[in-house]
Protein backbone atom coordinates (compact mmCIF):
# COMPACT_ATOMS: atom_id res chain seq x y z
CA MET A 1 40.23 33.85 97.53
CA LYS A 2 40.24 30.09 96.95
CA ALA A 3 42.12 27.94 99.43
CA ILE A 4 42.51 24.31 100.41
CA VAL A 5 41.63 23.89 104.07
CA TYR A 6 41.14 21.07 106.54
CA GLU A 7 39.52 21.46 109.94
CA ARG A 8 40.22 17.99 111.28
CA THR A 9 43.00 15.49 110.80
CA GLY A 10 42.54 12.44 108.63
CA ASP A 11 42.91 11.00 105.15
CA PRO A 12 42.89 13.17 102.00
CA SER A 13 39.10 13.43 102.06
CA VAL A 14 39.31 16.04 104.86
CA LEU A 15 40.71 18.55 102.35
CA GLN A 16 38.15 21.12 101.19
CA LEU A 17 38.28 23.85 98.54
CA VAL A 18 36.76 26.92 100.19
CA ASP A 19 36.46 30.69 99.83
CA ARG A 20 38.38 32.70 102.40
CA PRO A 21 39.01 36.44 102.83
CA GLU A 22 42.33 37.53 101.43
CA PRO A 23 44.68 37.89 104.44
CA GLU A 24 46.62 41.04 105.29
CA PRO A 25 50.33 40.89 106.09
CA GLY A 26 51.36 41.75 109.64
CA PRO A 27 54.69 43.19 110.76
CA GLY A 28 57.58 41.37 109.11
CA GLU A 29 55.28 39.42 106.76
CA VAL A 30 54.65 39.39 103.03
CA LEU A 31 51.48 38.51 101.17
CA VAL A 32 52.24 36.26 98.21
CA ARG A 33 49.95 35.44 95.35
CA VAL A 34 50.84 31.78 94.93
CA ALA A 35 51.21 30.38 91.43
CA VAL A 36 52.29 26.82 92.29
CA SER A 37 52.24 24.89 95.56
CA GLY A 38 54.53 21.91 96.14
CA VAL A 39 53.27 18.84 98.01
CA ASN A 40 55.67 16.97 100.31
CA PRO A 41 55.30 13.82 102.43
CA THR A 42 55.30 16.01 105.55
CA ASP A 43 52.10 17.63 104.27
CA TRP A 44 50.12 14.41 104.43
CA LYS A 45 51.80 13.30 107.65
CA ALA A 46 50.82 16.59 109.28
CA ARG A 47 47.29 16.26 107.88
CA ARG A 48 46.93 12.87 109.51
CA GLN A 49 48.61 13.60 112.84
CA SER A 50 49.38 17.21 113.76
CA PRO A 51 47.08 19.28 116.01
CA LEU A 52 45.31 22.34 114.59
CA PRO A 53 45.96 25.22 117.02
CA ALA A 54 44.03 27.66 114.80
CA GLY A 55 41.20 25.18 114.25
CA TRP A 56 42.04 24.96 110.55
CA GLN A 57 45.05 24.49 108.29
CA THR A 58 45.94 25.29 104.71
CA PRO A 59 48.61 22.70 103.76
CA GLY A 60 51.73 23.29 101.74
CA GLN A 61 55.19 24.19 103.00
CA ASP A 62 56.64 25.03 99.57
CA GLY A 63 55.47 27.22 96.76
CA ALA A 64 56.27 30.03 94.36
CA GLY A 65 54.52 33.22 93.32
CA VAL A 66 54.65 37.01 93.42
CA VAL A 67 54.76 39.34 96.43
CA GLU A 68 51.52 41.36 96.41
CA ALA A 69 51.83 43.34 99.66
CA VAL A 70 54.16 43.73 102.63
CA GLY A 71 53.66 44.37 106.31
CA ALA A 72 55.26 46.94 108.57
CA GLY A 73 59.03 46.85 108.59
CA VAL A 74 59.34 45.12 105.22
CA ASP A 75 60.97 46.78 102.21
CA ARG A 76 58.21 47.84 99.82
CA ASN A 77 60.55 47.21 96.90
CA LEU A 78 59.73 43.52 97.36
CA ILE A 79 56.24 44.12 95.95
CA GLY A 80 56.09 42.52 92.51
CA GLU A 81 59.09 40.29 93.20
CA ARG A 82 58.91 36.67 92.04
CA VAL A 83 59.76 34.43 95.04
CA TRP A 84 59.94 30.85 96.24
CA LEU A 85 58.62 29.92 99.66
CA TRP A 86 59.78 27.46 102.31
CA GLU A 87 58.18 26.21 105.54
CA ALA A 88 55.08 28.32 104.99
CA ALA A 89 52.86 26.04 107.08
CA TRP A 90 55.33 25.07 109.82
CA GLN A 91 53.48 25.89 113.07
CA ARG A 92 51.36 28.38 111.12
CA PRO A 93 47.90 27.94 109.52
CA TRP A 94 48.79 29.68 106.23
CA GLY A 95 50.19 27.13 103.79
CA THR A 96 50.79 27.51 100.07
CA ALA A 97 47.77 25.55 98.75
CA ALA A 98 45.81 28.77 98.27
CA GLU A 99 45.62 31.70 95.90
CA TYR A 100 47.32 33.84 98.55
CA THR A 101 49.43 33.06 101.57
CA LEU A 102 51.32 34.88 104.32
CA VAL A 103 54.92 34.14 105.28
CA PRO A 104 57.63 35.88 107.29
CA VAL A 105 59.75 37.85 104.83
CA ARG A 106 62.81 35.63 105.39
CA GLN A 107 60.81 32.69 103.99
CA ALA A 108 60.19 34.40 100.64
CA VAL A 109 63.36 34.10 98.54
CA ARG A 110 63.93 35.85 95.23
CA LEU A 111 63.36 33.48 92.31
CA GLY A 112 64.50 35.68 89.46
CA ASP A 113 63.56 34.42 86.01
CA ALA A 114 63.33 30.74 87.01
CA SER A 115 59.98 29.01 86.54
CA PHE A 116 57.38 28.86 89.30
CA ASP A 117 57.47 25.07 88.93
CA LEU A 118 61.14 25.07 89.87
CA GLY A 119 60.50 27.46 92.74
CA ALA A 120 57.78 25.25 94.19
CA CYS A 121 60.18 22.28 94.17
CA LEU A 122 63.03 23.94 96.05
CA GLY A 123 61.99 24.19 99.68
CA ILE A 124 61.82 21.10 101.85
CA PRO A 125 63.50 18.57 99.50
CA PHE A 126 66.50 20.74 98.64
CA LEU A 127 66.95 22.16 102.13
CA THR A 128 66.85 18.61 103.49
CA ALA A 129 69.40 17.49 100.93
CA HIS A 130 71.63 20.47 101.74
CA ARG A 131 71.65 19.55 105.43
CA CYS A 132 72.52 15.94 104.57
CA LEU A 133 75.44 17.11 102.42
CA THR A 134 76.86 19.52 105.01
CA ALA A 135 76.25 17.90 108.41
CA GLY A 136 79.19 15.48 108.31
CA GLU A 137 82.34 16.34 110.24
CA TYR A 138 84.48 16.46 107.09
CA MET A 139 81.87 18.06 104.87
CA PRO A 140 81.81 21.80 104.12
CA ASP A 141 79.28 24.08 105.86
CA LYS A 142 78.60 25.86 102.57
CA LEU A 143 77.95 24.40 99.12
CA HIS A 144 79.19 26.05 95.95
CA ALA A 145 80.87 25.00 92.73
CA GLY A 146 83.94 22.98 93.72
CA ALA A 147 82.99 22.61 97.39
CA LEU A 148 82.77 18.81 97.09
CA SER A 149 85.34 18.26 94.35
CA ASP A 150 87.31 15.78 96.47
CA HIS A 151 84.29 14.07 98.03
CA THR A 152 82.33 10.95 97.22
CA VAL A 153 78.65 10.94 98.18
CA LEU A 154 76.27 7.98 98.25
CA VAL A 155 72.58 8.79 97.80
CA GLN A 156 70.40 5.86 98.81
CA GLY A 157 67.22 6.08 96.73
CA GLY A 158 68.21 8.53 94.03
CA ALA A 159 64.82 8.64 92.30
CA GLY A 160 62.98 10.22 95.25
CA ALA A 161 62.49 13.97 95.65
CA VAL A 162 65.19 14.38 98.33
CA GLY A 163 67.42 11.88 96.53
CA ASN A 164 67.10 13.87 93.34
CA ALA A 165 67.85 17.08 95.21
CA ALA A 166 70.91 15.54 96.85
CA ILE A 167 72.25 14.33 93.49
CA GLN A 168 71.73 17.72 91.87
CA LEU A 169 73.26 19.73 94.72
CA ALA A 170 76.20 17.37 95.12
CA ARG A 171 76.95 17.43 91.39
CA TRP A 172 76.64 21.24 91.36
CA ALA A 173 79.30 21.20 94.10
CA ASP A 174 81.43 18.81 91.97
CA ALA A 175 81.13 15.65 94.07
CA CYS A 176 81.39 12.13 92.72
CA VAL A 177 77.83 10.91 93.29
CA ILE A 178 76.87 7.25 93.59
CA THR A 179 73.21 6.38 93.94
CA THR A 180 71.09 3.28 94.46
CA VAL A 181 67.73 2.57 92.85
CA SER A 182 65.25 -0.28 92.68
CA SER A 183 64.54 -0.44 88.95
CA PRO A 184 66.00 0.46 85.53
CA GLU A 185 63.34 3.17 85.15
CA LYS A 186 64.40 4.81 88.40
CA GLY A 187 68.00 4.38 87.33
CA GLN A 188 67.32 6.47 84.25
CA LEU A 189 65.87 9.23 86.43
CA ALA A 190 68.87 9.18 88.77
CA ALA A 191 71.23 9.36 85.80
CA ALA A 192 69.26 12.27 84.37
CA ALA A 193 69.66 14.06 87.71
CA GLY A 194 73.42 13.81 87.24
CA ALA A 195 74.51 10.77 89.25
CA SER A 196 78.03 9.62 88.36
CA PHE A 197 77.25 5.95 89.05
CA VAL A 198 73.87 4.21 89.40
CA ILE A 199 73.48 0.84 91.16
CA ASN A 200 70.32 -1.26 91.07
CA TYR A 201 70.30 -2.74 94.58
CA ARG A 202 67.90 -5.49 93.54
CA GLU A 203 70.27 -6.81 90.89
CA GLU A 204 73.77 -5.86 92.09
CA ASP A 205 75.91 -6.22 95.21
CA VAL A 206 75.87 -2.65 96.50
CA VAL A 207 78.89 -2.96 98.77
CA ALA A 208 81.04 -4.68 96.14
CA GLU A 209 80.13 -2.20 93.41
CA ILE A 210 80.71 0.86 95.56
CA ARG A 211 84.03 -0.47 96.83
CA LYS A 212 85.15 -0.67 93.19
CA ILE A 213 84.34 3.02 92.77
CA ALA A 214 85.47 4.26 96.19
CA PRO A 215 87.90 1.74 97.72
CA GLY A 216 88.41 3.93 100.78
CA GLY A 217 84.70 4.45 101.36
CA VAL A 218 82.36 7.41 100.92
CA HIS A 219 82.35 10.70 102.81
CA THR A 220 78.60 10.97 103.31
CA ILE A 221 75.54 8.78 102.81
CA VAL A 222 72.18 10.47 102.22
CA GLU A 223 69.89 7.85 103.71
CA VAL A 224 66.19 7.36 102.97
CA SER A 225 65.78 3.95 104.62
CA ALA A 226 68.10 3.51 107.58
CA ALA A 227 66.43 0.35 108.88
CA ARG A 228 66.90 -1.44 105.56
CA ASN A 229 70.32 -0.07 104.71
CA ALA A 230 72.14 0.20 108.05
CA ALA A 231 74.25 -2.94 107.58
CA THR A 232 75.28 -1.78 104.11
CA ASP A 233 76.04 1.77 105.23
CA VAL A 234 78.35 0.55 108.00
CA GLN A 235 80.54 -1.15 105.40
CA LEU A 236 80.80 1.86 103.12
CA LEU A 237 81.88 4.80 105.29
CA ARG A 238 85.40 6.15 105.10
CA ASP A 239 87.14 7.46 108.24
CA GLY A 240 85.10 10.31 109.65
CA GLY A 241 82.20 9.55 107.34
CA ALA A 242 78.56 10.30 108.13
CA VAL A 243 75.20 8.68 107.48
CA CYS A 244 72.55 11.41 107.28
CA VAL A 245 69.08 9.97 107.86
CA TYR A 246 66.10 12.07 106.72
CA ALA A 247 63.24 9.52 106.66
CA ASP A 248 61.86 7.36 109.43
CA ASP A 249 60.87 4.09 107.71
CA GLY A 250 57.45 4.29 109.32
CA GLY A 251 58.83 4.28 112.84
CA ALA A 252 61.27 1.40 112.35
CA GLU A 253 64.25 1.03 114.67
CA VAL A 254 67.91 0.70 113.74
CA THR A 255 70.55 -1.48 115.38
CA LEU A 256 74.17 -0.43 114.88
CA PRO A 257 77.44 -2.28 115.57
CA ILE A 258 79.51 -0.14 117.92
CA ARG A 259 83.09 -1.15 117.16
CA PRO A 260 82.92 -0.96 113.32
CA LEU A 261 81.58 2.58 113.66
CA MET A 262 83.78 3.63 116.56
CA VAL A 263 87.08 2.81 114.85
CA PRO A 264 86.51 5.19 111.88
CA ASN A 265 84.93 7.86 114.13
CA ALA A 266 81.77 7.57 112.04
CA ARG A 267 78.73 9.74 112.59
CA TRP A 268 75.01 9.04 112.29
CA GLN A 269 73.21 12.34 111.81
CA PHE A 270 69.43 12.56 111.90
CA VAL A 271 67.91 15.32 109.79
CA LEU A 272 64.59 17.16 110.08
CA VAL A 273 64.79 20.41 108.20
CA TYR A 274 62.10 22.14 110.31
CA THR A 275 64.13 21.88 113.51
CA GLU A 276 67.71 22.02 112.20
CA PRO A 277 70.00 24.72 113.61
CA THR A 278 69.02 28.21 112.48
CA ALA A 279 72.42 29.08 111.01
CA ALA A 280 72.60 25.82 109.06
CA LYS A 281 69.13 26.40 107.63
CA ALA A 282 69.95 29.96 106.62
CA GLN A 283 73.04 28.71 104.82
CA GLY A 284 70.93 26.08 103.11
CA VAL A 285 68.48 28.68 101.83
CA ALA A 286 71.34 30.83 100.52
CA ASP A 287 73.09 27.91 98.81
CA VAL A 288 69.92 26.49 97.24
CA ALA A 289 69.03 29.94 95.93
CA ALA A 290 72.53 30.27 94.46
CA ALA A 291 72.36 26.84 92.83
CA ALA A 292 69.01 27.70 91.27
CA ALA A 293 70.27 31.08 90.03
CA GLN A 294 73.35 29.44 88.48
CA GLY A 295 71.33 26.78 86.68
CA GLY A 296 72.55 23.99 88.96
CA ILE A 297 69.01 22.85 89.75
CA ARG A 298 66.50 21.66 87.18
CA VAL A 299 63.08 20.02 87.31
CA GLY A 300 61.11 17.82 84.98
CA GLU A 301 61.73 14.33 83.65
CA GLU A 302 64.85 15.49 81.84
CA ALA A 303 66.26 16.37 85.29
CA GLY A 304 65.15 13.09 86.85
CA LEU A 305 62.17 14.70 88.60
CA PRO A 306 58.89 14.16 86.70
CA LEU A 307 56.29 16.81 87.52
CA HIS A 308 52.66 15.94 88.23
CA HIS A 309 50.34 18.95 88.03
CA TYR A 310 46.94 19.13 89.70
CA PRO A 311 44.40 21.97 89.89
CA MET A 312 43.23 23.11 93.32
CA SER A 313 39.97 21.24 92.77
CA ALA A 314 42.00 17.99 92.67
CA ALA A 315 43.96 18.59 95.90
CA VAL A 316 42.62 15.32 97.33
CA ALA A 317 44.10 13.40 94.39
CA ALA A 318 47.37 15.34 94.67
CA HIS A 319 47.77 14.43 98.35
CA ARG A 320 46.81 10.84 97.66
CA ALA A 321 49.49 10.62 94.95
CA VAL A 322 52.19 11.73 97.39
CA GLU A 323 50.86 9.42 100.08
CA ASP A 324 51.07 6.58 97.55
CA SER A 325 54.74 7.44 96.85
CA VAL A 326 54.37 8.58 93.26
CA VAL A 327 57.78 9.01 91.61
CA GLY A 328 58.47 12.67 90.95
CA LYS A 329 57.12 15.94 92.34
CA VAL A 330 53.44 16.72 92.85
CA LEU A 331 52.45 20.35 92.24
CA ILE A 332 49.13 22.13 92.75
CA THR A 333 48.45 25.05 90.43
CA THR A 334 46.85 27.73 92.58
CA SER A 335 46.49 30.76 90.27
CA GLY A 336 46.81 31.72 86.64
CA GLN A 337 50.07 33.66 86.91
């Protein structure tokens, strides 16, 4: 089979397209013929920094394809099932940037009739967004239609992959969604995702505009740039509100005023989907799958998430695009399904 592999950490040039034997599923595993692999920022960060316990790594946490074989203890009725994959390469060498991959059965979720492109977009971005929308003290543990009908959510950076996911999930759950962007073009994408209000932070006073919409403050802030936005976020939380931080600003530090956050019993919640509590992650998988099945999640420019397709032979360019912060979702086509 064809697979993208790297045997040392470094820039995108360490990625190689190689031939590997098709793996066999062990107990509790499924073998998936991957159709599309999603590329996330954590893929390039791991490629540059993470150790290689197996001596090699196929990147790609997310993907979609068809179950080809199952290991001992796994229901054989799964064979032939269309599935989406999450965290395939977390502490394991088998990622999704290959014609076939192995995952524990719990990490292969039924996709139904949805497209493989959509399936490959669901994992890390939507599970991260789900955690951000449910970690606050006054937020529900489970998302469903109507779950956020009396909530106002602020998504900082609504044109990014997680920002887009947060907008879509929050709107599916009937929240009022406010988002910030840096340009009219990104504003159009955020609006296409379903944002109720879009604010260009380079041209408008974010605090003043949001206070017009939500005089009492917002319930939750999905935060992509805590170092840049901390002072703004402090002014926008309602009592019991939470700022959920999912990106690290390149290692920047954040200084917070104690009293203005103490009085409203505010919460700052840091989010890394790989290490979030097991029960919360399982709920996220279930809710994201439900949203996708109900048509609450879309992909493509018409959904505010432009798709950029690359063949396996262009994996270097695909990784470089994500590392350069291309707007939209980068996908690697791995087989002809």
